[in-house]
Amino acid sequence: MAKPKSSPKHVAVIMDGNGRWAEMRGRPRLVGHHAGARRVQEIVKACPDVGVEYLTIFAFSTENWKRTQREVSGLMRLFRKYILKEAKALLQAGVRVRFIGDRIKLDEKLVRMMDDLELLTADNTKLHLTVALNYGGRDEVTRAVQRLAFDVSQNKLKYTDVDAEVLGKYLDTRLLPDPDLVIRTSGEARISNFLLWQSAYSEYEFIDTLWPDFTSEEFKAVVGRFGTRERRFGAVKA
C-alpha cells in the first residue's frame, strides 16, 4: 500500500474494547487483553508502510487501578510477558521504545524491564513506539508542574520565564512531537485523560471497532483519511 500524500507523523491510540470483546465471546476479560496485545504487534508493523514515525499507545491509565485485582494483576503479567517476548523483535525491526507515566506504583521487576527495553532500543529510528503505562494526562501535568516549581525554588528557573514551551519540557513527552492524529476504538467518543496537553490541535477519529478487531488495514484507512483534513491551528483559511 502506498503512503498517503499527507501522513500523520505521530499517531496516538486509545486502545479500547478489549474487555467487551472477550465478554461478547463468553471469555474472561484478560483474554481480550491478550488479543489486544497481538493487535499492537500488527499495528506497529504497519506504521512505517504509511509514513507514521511515532506511535503512542494507551496501555494502562491511572484510573485502571480501580479494576478488579485479578484484572490488574493479569495486565501487569501481560506487560512483563510482552516486553520479554517482543524485545528482540522490536530491536531487529528498528523500533525505539519509550514508556511514559508514573512508575512509582509499578512493581520493581516491571520497571527494570521497561528501563532495559528503553536502553536496548535507544539507537533505533524506524519507528518511535511510546507506551503510556500508569499514565493520566492530569497526573502528567501535575508532576510536570511539581518539577518546574522545584526548579524555580532552587533558582534554576525564574517564574517569569515559565510559558507553554517551558512547561512542555517538563512533560513525560518532552522528546516527542505532539500527536497529529488520535484514534479511539470501541465506539466511545471521549479522550479519557489521554495526552491532554499534547493533543490541543490533534485530529480525532472515533472508531466503532473494538481494539482486538482493529486490523492493520483499518488503521491504514484511518491514516489515509487524515490526508483529506484541513488543519488550520487556529488560523483562517486564506
C-alpha atoms as a PDB file:
ATOM      1  CA  MET A   1       0.000   0.000   0.000  1.00  0.00           C
ATOM      2  CA  ALA A   2       1.379   3.414  -0.990  1.00  0.00           C
ATOM      3  CA  LYS A   3       1.963   6.033   1.669  1.00  0.00           C
ATOM      4  CA  PRO A   4      -0.808   8.679   1.884  1.00  0.00           C
ATOM      5  CA  LYS A   5       0.085  12.059   0.369  1.00  0.00           C
ATOM      6  CA  SER A   6      -0.065  13.627   3.833  1.00  0.00           C
ATOM      7  CA  SER A   7       0.569  11.136   6.599  1.00  0.00           C
ATOM      8  CA  PRO A   8       0.348  11.954  10.289  1.00  0.00           C
ATOM      9  CA  LYS A   9       3.854  11.907  11.685  1.00  0.00           C
ATOM     10  CA  HIS A  10       2.611  10.938  15.141  1.00  0.00           C
ATOM     11  CA  VAL A  11      -0.450   8.773  15.800  1.00  0.00           C
ATOM     12  CA  ALA A  12      -1.738   8.150  19.326  1.00  0.00           C
ATOM     13  CA  VAL A  13      -4.220   5.363  20.066  1.00  0.00           C
ATOM     14  CA  ILE A  14      -6.669   4.776  22.898  1.00  0.00           C
ATOM     15  CA  MET A  15      -6.950   1.008  22.618  1.00  0.00           C
ATOM     16  CA  ASP A  16     -10.459   0.498  23.969  1.00  0.00           C
ATOM     17  CA  GLY A  17     -12.727  -2.543  23.867  1.00  0.00           C
ATOM     18  CA  ASN A  18     -10.561  -5.479  24.961  1.00  0.00           C
ATOM     19  CA  GLY A  19     -12.791  -6.438  27.882  1.00  0.00           C
ATOM     20  CA  ARG A  20     -16.029  -6.120  25.916  1.00  0.00           C
ATOM     21  CA  TRP A  21     -14.537  -8.133  23.066  1.00  0.00           C
ATOM     22  CA  ALA A  22     -13.881 -11.024  25.461  1.00  0.00           C
ATOM     23  CA  GLU A  23     -17.227 -10.743  27.262  1.00  0.00           C
ATOM     24  CA  MET A  24     -19.088 -10.870  23.945  1.00  0.00           C
ATOM     25  CA  ARG A  25     -17.436 -14.250  23.412  1.00  0.00           C
ATOM     26  CA  GLY A  26     -18.144 -15.509  26.909  1.00  0.00           C
ATOM     27  CA  ARG A  27     -14.472 -15.344  27.865  1.00  0.00           C
ATOM     28  CA  PRO A  28     -12.624 -13.668  30.767  1.00  0.00           C
ATOM     29  CA  ARG A  29     -11.645 -10.054  30.179  1.00  0.00           C
ATOM     30  CA  LEU A  30      -7.950 -10.955  30.245  1.00  0.00           C
ATOM     31  CA  VAL A  31      -8.450 -12.993  27.078  1.00  0.00           C
ATOM     32  CA  GLY A  32      -9.395  -9.743  25.389  1.00  0.00           C
ATOM     33  CA  HIS A  33      -6.285  -8.014  26.673  1.00  0.00           C
ATOM     34  CA  HIS A  34      -4.093 -10.773  25.248  1.00  0.00           C
ATOM     35  CA  ALA A  35      -5.890 -10.431  21.907  1.00  0.00           C
ATOM     36  CA  GLY A  36      -5.333  -6.674  22.097  1.00  0.00           C
ATOM     37  CA  ALA A  37      -1.596  -7.172  22.662  1.00  0.00           C
ATOM     38  CA  ARG A  38      -1.393  -9.220  19.471  1.00  0.00           C
ATOM     39  CA  ARG A  39      -3.136  -6.393  17.634  1.00  0.00           C
ATOM     40  CA  VAL A  40      -0.488  -3.965  18.868  1.00  0.00           C
ATOM     41  CA  GLN A  41       2.153  -6.074  17.127  1.00  0.00           C
ATOM     42  CA  GLU A  42       0.262  -5.793  13.841  1.00  0.00           C
ATOM     43  CA  ILE A  43      -0.237  -2.032  14.070  1.00  0.00           C
ATOM     44  CA  VAL A  44       3.425  -1.454  14.955  1.00  0.00           C
ATOM     45  CA  LYS A  45       4.460  -3.307  11.812  1.00  0.00           C
ATOM     46  CA  ALA A  46       2.020  -1.272   9.696  1.00  0.00           C
ATOM     47  CA  CYS A  47       3.236   2.180  10.767  1.00  0.00           C
ATOM     48  CA  PRO A  48       6.323   2.523   8.524  1.00  0.00           C
ATOM     49  CA  ASP A  49       4.276   1.463   5.479  1.00  0.00           C
ATOM     50  CA  VAL A  50       2.058   4.550   5.813  1.00  0.00           C
ATOM     51  CA  GLY A  51       4.654   7.074   6.904  1.00  0.00           C
ATOM     52  CA  VAL A  52       3.909   7.069  10.624  1.00  0.00           C
ATOM     53  CA  GLU A  53       7.127   7.754  12.548  1.00  0.00           C
ATOM     54  CA  TYR A  54       5.718   7.927  16.085  1.00  0.00           C
ATOM     55  CA  LEU A  55       3.089   5.675  17.636  1.00  0.00           C
ATOM     56  CA  THR A  56       1.845   6.220  21.194  1.00  0.00           C
ATOM     57  CA  ILE A  57      -0.493   3.664  22.761  1.00  0.00           C
ATOM     58  CA  PHE A  58      -2.554   3.995  25.942  1.00  0.00           C
ATOM     59  CA  ALA A  59      -1.864   0.707  27.724  1.00  0.00           C
ATOM     60  CA  PHE A  60      -2.886   1.389  31.339  1.00  0.00           C
ATOM     61  CA  SER A  61      -4.333   4.555  32.856  1.00  0.00           C
ATOM     62  CA  THR A  62      -4.037   5.963  36.356  1.00  0.00           C
ATOM     63  CA  GLU A  63      -7.750   5.164  36.698  1.00  0.00           C
ATOM     64  CA  ASN A  64      -7.346   1.496  35.697  1.00  0.00           C
ATOM     65  CA  TRP A  65      -6.222   0.620  39.239  1.00  0.00           C
ATOM     66  CA  LYS A  66      -9.937   0.731  40.110  1.00  0.00           C
ATOM     67  CA  ARG A  67     -10.494  -2.503  38.180  1.00  0.00           C
ATOM     68  CA  THR A  68     -10.563  -5.858  39.954  1.00  0.00           C
ATOM     69  CA  GLN A  69      -7.319  -7.084  41.477  1.00  0.00           C
ATOM     70  CA  ARG A  70      -7.463 -10.108  39.191  1.00  0.00           C
ATOM     71  CA  GLU A  71      -7.624  -7.977  36.064  1.00  0.00           C
ATOM     72  CA  VAL A  72      -4.931  -5.551  37.224  1.00  0.00           C
ATOM     73  CA  SER A  73      -2.562  -8.387  38.187  1.00  0.00           C
ATOM     74  CA  GLY A  74      -3.248 -10.095  34.864  1.00  0.00           C
ATOM     75  CA  LEU A  75      -2.448  -6.915  32.966  1.00  0.00           C
ATOM     76  CA  MET A  76       0.839  -6.484  34.811  1.00  0.00           C
ATOM     77  CA  ARG A  77       1.791 -10.056  33.940  1.00  0.00           C
ATOM     78  CA  LEU A  78       0.851  -9.354  30.329  1.00  0.00           C
ATOM     79  CA  PHE A  79       3.086  -6.275  30.211  1.00  0.00           C
ATOM     80  CA  ARG A  80       6.037  -8.278  31.538  1.00  0.00           C
ATOM     81  CA  LYS A  81       5.340 -11.096  29.087  1.00  0.00           C
ATOM     82  CA  TYR A  82       5.046  -8.698  26.141  1.00  0.00           C
ATOM     83  CA  ILE A  83       8.369  -7.000  26.953  1.00  0.00           C
ATOM     84  CA  LEU A  84      10.151 -10.318  27.405  1.00  0.00           C
ATOM     85  CA  LYS A  85       8.698 -11.828  24.241  1.00  0.00           C
ATOM     86  CA  GLU A  86       8.929  -8.832  21.917  1.00  0.00           C
ATOM     87  CA  ALA A  87      12.189  -7.143  22.966  1.00  0.00           C
ATOM     88  CA  LYS A  88      14.349  -8.887  20.340  1.00  0.00           C
ATOM     89  CA  ALA A  89      11.784  -8.434  17.560  1.00  0.00           C
ATOM     90  CA  LEU A  90      11.376  -4.722  18.338  1.00  0.00           C
ATOM     91  CA  LEU A  91      15.153  -4.255  18.307  1.00  0.00           C
ATOM     92  CA  GLN A  92      15.542  -6.037  14.954  1.00  0.00           C
ATOM     93  CA  ALA A  93      12.617  -4.114  13.451  1.00  0.00           C
ATOM     94  CA  GLY A  94      14.259  -0.779  14.259  1.00  0.00           C
ATOM     95  CA  VAL A  95      11.611   0.247  16.817  1.00  0.00           C
ATOM     96  CA  ARG A  96      12.625   2.557  19.629  1.00  0.00           C
ATOM     97  CA  VAL A  97      10.516   2.023  22.742  1.00  0.00           C
ATOM     98  CA  ARG A  98       9.752   4.599  25.419  1.00  0.00           C
ATOM     99  CA  PHE A  99       7.413   4.473  28.396  1.00  0.00           C
ATOM    100  CA  ILE A 100       5.533   7.431  29.839  1.00  0.00           C
ATOM    101  CA  GLY A 101       3.552   7.650  33.054  1.00  0.00           C
ATOM    102  CA  ASP A 102       4.259   7.452  36.768  1.00  0.00           C
ATOM    103  CA  ARG A 103       6.364   4.380  37.566  1.00  0.00           C
ATOM    104  CA  ILE A 104       6.064   4.702  41.354  1.00  0.00           C
ATOM    105  CA  LYS A 105       3.119   2.274  41.681  1.00  0.00           C
ATOM    106  CA  LEU A 106       4.555  -0.299  39.276  1.00  0.00           C
ATOM    107  CA  ASP A 107       6.436  -3.302  40.650  1.00  0.00           C
ATOM    108  CA  GLU A 108      10.223  -3.132  40.567  1.00  0.00           C
ATOM    109  CA  LYS A 109      10.645  -6.061  38.171  1.00  0.00           C
ATOM    110  CA  LEU A 110       8.406  -4.467  35.568  1.00  0.00           C
ATOM    111  CA  VAL A 111      10.162  -1.109  35.916  1.00  0.00           C
ATOM    112  CA  ARG A 112      13.563  -2.783  35.403  1.00  0.00           C
ATOM    113  CA  MET A 113      12.242  -4.486  32.279  1.00  0.00           C
ATOM    114  CA  MET A 114      10.934  -1.162  30.987  1.00  0.00           C
ATOM    115  CA  ASP A 115      14.284   0.506  31.633  1.00  0.00           C
ATOM    116  CA  ASP A 116      16.152  -2.336  29.916  1.00  0.00           C
ATOM    117  CA  LEU A 117      13.917  -2.212  26.834  1.00  0.00           C
ATOM    118  CA  GLU A 118      14.344   1.552  26.529  1.00  0.00           C
ATOM    119  CA  LEU A 119      18.107   1.156  26.734  1.00  0.00           C
ATOM    120  CA  LEU A 120      18.174  -1.799  24.345  1.00  0.00           C
ATOM    121  CA  THR A 121      16.291   0.075  21.604  1.00  0.00           C
ATOM    122  CA  ALA A 122      17.719   3.556  22.236  1.00  0.00           C
ATOM    123  CA  ASP A 123      19.520   3.748  18.881  1.00  0.00           C
ATOM    124  CA  ASN A 124      16.570   2.655  16.737  1.00  0.00           C
ATOM    125  CA  THR A 125      14.877   5.194  14.468  1.00  0.00           C
ATOM    126  CA  LYS A 126      12.482   3.378  12.129  1.00  0.00           C
ATOM    127  CA  LEU A 127       9.528   3.827  14.485  1.00  0.00           C
ATOM    128  CA  HIS A 128       9.253   5.507  17.874  1.00  0.00           C
ATOM    129  CA  LEU A 129       6.823   3.472  19.979  1.00  0.00           C
ATOM    130  CA  THR A 130       5.696   5.094  23.229  1.00  0.00           C
ATOM    131  CA  VAL A 131       3.720   3.056  25.742  1.00  0.00           C
ATOM    132  CA  ALA A 132       1.620   5.008  28.251  1.00  0.00           C
ATOM    133  CA  LEU A 133       1.660   2.869  31.396  1.00  0.00           C
ATOM    134  CA  ASN A 134       0.088   4.113  34.640  1.00  0.00           C
ATOM    135  CA  TYR A 135      -0.473   7.304  32.705  1.00  0.00           C
ATOM    136  CA  GLY A 136      -3.030  10.081  33.055  1.00  0.00           C
ATOM    137  CA  GLY A 137      -2.948  13.477  31.387  1.00  0.00           C
ATOM    138  CA  ARG A 138      -3.809  15.426  34.537  1.00  0.00           C
ATOM    139  CA  ASP A 139      -1.309  13.393  36.553  1.00  0.00           C
ATOM    140  CA  GLU A 140       1.393  14.101  33.972  1.00  0.00           C
ATOM    141  CA  VAL A 141       0.781  17.859  34.059  1.00  0.00           C
ATOM    142  CA  THR A 142       0.688  17.815  37.869  1.00  0.00           C
ATOM    143  CA  ARG A 143       4.041  16.016  38.051  1.00  0.00           C
ATOM    144  CA  ALA A 144       5.485  18.408  35.469  1.00  0.00           C
ATOM    145  CA  VAL A 145       4.374  21.459  37.470  1.00  0.00           C
ATOM    146  CA  GLN A 146       5.868  19.961  40.646  1.00  0.00           C
ATOM    147  CA  ARG A 147       9.237  19.523  38.921  1.00  0.00           C
ATOM    148  CA  LEU A 148       9.032  23.009  37.445  1.00  0.00           C
ATOM    149  CA  ALA A 149       8.120  24.543  40.826  1.00  0.00           C
ATOM    150  CA  PHE A 150      11.062  22.766  42.445  1.00  0.00           C
ATOM    151  CA  ASP A 151      13.450  24.212  39.852  1.00  0.00           C
ATOM    152  CA  VAL A 152      12.017  27.689  40.496  1.00  0.00           C
ATOM    153  CA  SER A 153      12.522  27.185  44.243  1.00  0.00           C
ATOM    154  CA  GLN A 154      16.156  26.213  43.570  1.00  0.00           C
ATOM    155  CA  ASN A 155      16.681  29.330  41.433  1.00  0.00           C
ATOM    156  CA  LYS A 156      17.290  27.205  38.364  1.00  0.00           C
ATOM    157  CA  LEU A 157      14.422  28.985  36.639  1.00  0.00           C
ATOM    158  CA  LYS A 158      12.649  32.316  37.052  1.00  0.00           C
ATOM    159  CA  TYR A 159       8.879  32.166  37.388  1.00  0.00           C
ATOM    160  CA  THR A 160       8.647  34.936  34.797  1.00  0.00           C
ATOM    161  CA  ASP A 161      10.327  32.597  32.288  1.00  0.00           C
ATOM    162  CA  VAL A 162       7.592  29.988  32.559  1.00  0.00           C
ATOM    163  CA  ASP A 163       5.431  29.701  29.443  1.00  0.00           C
ATOM    164  CA  ALA A 164       3.824  26.866  27.491  1.00  0.00           C
ATOM    165  CA  GLU A 165       7.100  25.971  25.795  1.00  0.00           C
ATOM    166  CA  VAL A 166       8.976  25.768  29.089  1.00  0.00           C
ATOM    167  CA  LEU A 167       6.257  23.693  30.757  1.00  0.00           C
ATOM    168  CA  GLY A 168       6.304  21.318  27.803  1.00  0.00           C
ATOM    169  CA  LYS A 169       9.933  20.499  28.583  1.00  0.00           C
ATOM    170  CA  TYR A 170       8.843  19.034  31.938  1.00  0.00           C
ATOM    171  CA  LEU A 171       6.238  16.681  30.477  1.00  0.00           C
ATOM    172  CA  ASP A 172       6.778  12.934  30.014  1.00  0.00           C
ATOM    173  CA  THR A 173       6.569  13.505  26.255  1.00  0.00           C
ATOM    174  CA  ARG A 174       9.198  16.247  26.082  1.00  0.00           C
ATOM    175  CA  LEU A 175      11.192  14.271  23.495  1.00  0.00           C
ATOM    176  CA  LEU A 176       8.188  13.616  21.260  1.00  0.00           C
ATOM    177  CA  PRO A 177       6.274  15.753  18.763  1.00  0.00           C
ATOM    178  CA  ASP A 178       2.617  16.372  19.566  1.00  0.00           C
ATOM    179  CA  PRO A 179       0.259  13.806  18.036  1.00  0.00           C
ATOM    180  CA  ASP A 180      -1.239  14.743  14.689  1.00  0.00           C
ATOM    181  CA  LEU A 181      -3.956  12.115  14.954  1.00  0.00           C
ATOM    182  CA  VAL A 182      -5.609  10.437  17.950  1.00  0.00           C
ATOM    183  CA  ILE A 183      -7.611   7.267  17.332  1.00  0.00           C
ATOM    184  CA  ARG A 184     -10.039   5.756  19.827  1.00  0.00           C
ATOM    185  CA  THR A 185     -11.603   2.380  19.166  1.00  0.00           C
ATOM    186  CA  SER A 186     -14.794   0.730  20.525  1.00  0.00           C
ATOM    187  CA  GLY A 187     -17.313   3.450  19.705  1.00  0.00           C
ATOM    188  CA  GLU A 188     -16.687   5.661  22.733  1.00  0.00           C
ATOM    189  CA  ALA A 189     -16.322   9.372  21.922  1.00  0.00           C
ATOM    190  CA  ARG A 190     -14.190  10.700  24.769  1.00  0.00           C
ATOM    191  CA  ILE A 191     -10.485  11.253  25.360  1.00  0.00           C
ATOM    192  CA  SER A 192     -10.248   9.670  28.831  1.00  0.00           C
ATOM    193  CA  ASN A 193      -7.462  11.827  30.249  1.00  0.00           C
ATOM    194  CA  PHE A 194      -5.029  10.907  27.458  1.00  0.00           C
ATOM    195  CA  LEU A 195      -2.376  13.390  26.260  1.00  0.00           C
ATOM    196  CA  LEU A 196      -4.497  16.361  27.323  1.00  0.00           C
ATOM    197  CA  TRP A 197      -1.762  18.954  26.818  1.00  0.00           C
ATOM    198  CA  GLN A 198      -0.257  17.438  23.689  1.00  0.00           C
ATOM    199  CA  SER A 199      -3.495  16.875  21.745  1.00  0.00           C
ATOM    200  CA  ALA A 200      -4.657  20.504  21.777  1.00  0.00           C
ATOM    201  CA  TYR A 201      -4.620  20.595  17.959  1.00  0.00           C
ATOM    202  CA  SER A 202      -4.773  16.880  17.157  1.00  0.00           C
ATOM    203  CA  GLU A 203      -7.293  15.441  14.747  1.00  0.00           C
ATOM    204  CA  TYR A 204      -9.538  12.752  16.266  1.00  0.00           C
ATOM    205  CA  GLU A 205     -11.072   9.580  14.851  1.00  0.00           C
ATOM    206  CA  PHE A 206     -13.580   7.648  16.949  1.00  0.00           C
ATOM    207  CA  ILE A 207     -13.892   4.140  15.537  1.00  0.00           C
ATOM    208  CA  ASP A 208     -16.693   1.670  16.350  1.00  0.00           C
ATOM    209  CA  THR A 209     -14.399  -1.358  16.015  1.00  0.00           C
ATOM    210  CA  LEU A 210     -13.260  -2.982  19.254  1.00  0.00           C
ATOM    211  CA  TRP A 211      -9.480  -2.894  19.599  1.00  0.00           C
ATOM    212  CA  PRO A 212      -8.827  -6.647  19.114  1.00  0.00           C
ATOM    213  CA  ASP A 213     -10.683  -6.397  15.782  1.00  0.00           C
ATOM    214  CA  PHE A 214      -8.908  -3.216  14.628  1.00  0.00           C
ATOM    215  CA  THR A 215      -6.826  -4.557  11.755  1.00  0.00           C
ATOM    216  CA  SER A 216      -3.818  -3.006  10.079  1.00  0.00           C
ATOM    217  CA  GLU A 217      -5.974  -2.417   7.007  1.00  0.00           C
ATOM    218  CA  GLU A 218      -8.454  -0.357   9.023  1.00  0.00           C
ATOM    219  CA  PHE A 219      -5.556   1.503  10.622  1.00  0.00           C
ATOM    220  CA  LYS A 220      -4.141   2.335   7.196  1.00  0.00           C
ATOM    221  CA  ALA A 221      -7.559   3.536   6.041  1.00  0.00           C
ATOM    222  CA  VAL A 222      -7.844   5.895   9.024  1.00  0.00           C
ATOM    223  CA  VAL A 223      -4.343   7.218   8.390  1.00  0.00           C
ATOM    224  CA  GLY A 224      -5.248   7.700   4.721  1.00  0.00           C
ATOM    225  CA  ARG A 225      -8.282   9.817   5.648  1.00  0.00           C
ATOM    226  CA  PHE A 226      -6.019  12.131   7.636  1.00  0.00           C
ATOM    227  CA  GLY A 227      -4.607  13.459   4.373  1.00  0.00           C
ATOM    228  CA  THR A 228      -8.010  14.857   3.408  1.00  0.00           C
ATOM    229  CA  ARG A 229      -8.287  17.034   6.510  1.00  0.00           C
ATOM    230  CA  GLU A 230      -7.506  20.739   6.512  1.00  0.00           C
ATOM    231  CA  ARG A 231      -5.523  21.703   9.601  1.00  0.00           C
ATOM    232  CA  ARG A 232      -5.506  25.447  10.405  1.00  0.00           C
ATOM    233  CA  PHE A 233      -4.209  25.518  14.003  1.00  0.00           C
ATOM    234  CA  GLY A 234      -6.498  28.423  14.839  1.00  0.00           C
ATOM    235  CA  ALA A 235      -5.839  30.384  11.634  1.00  0.00           C
ATOM    236  CA  VAL A 236      -8.371  31.372   8.985  1.00  0.00           C
ATOM    237  CA  LYS A 237      -8.235  29.756   5.557  1.00  0.00           C
ATOM    238  CA  ALA A 238      -6.556  32.066   3.083  1.00  0.00           C
END
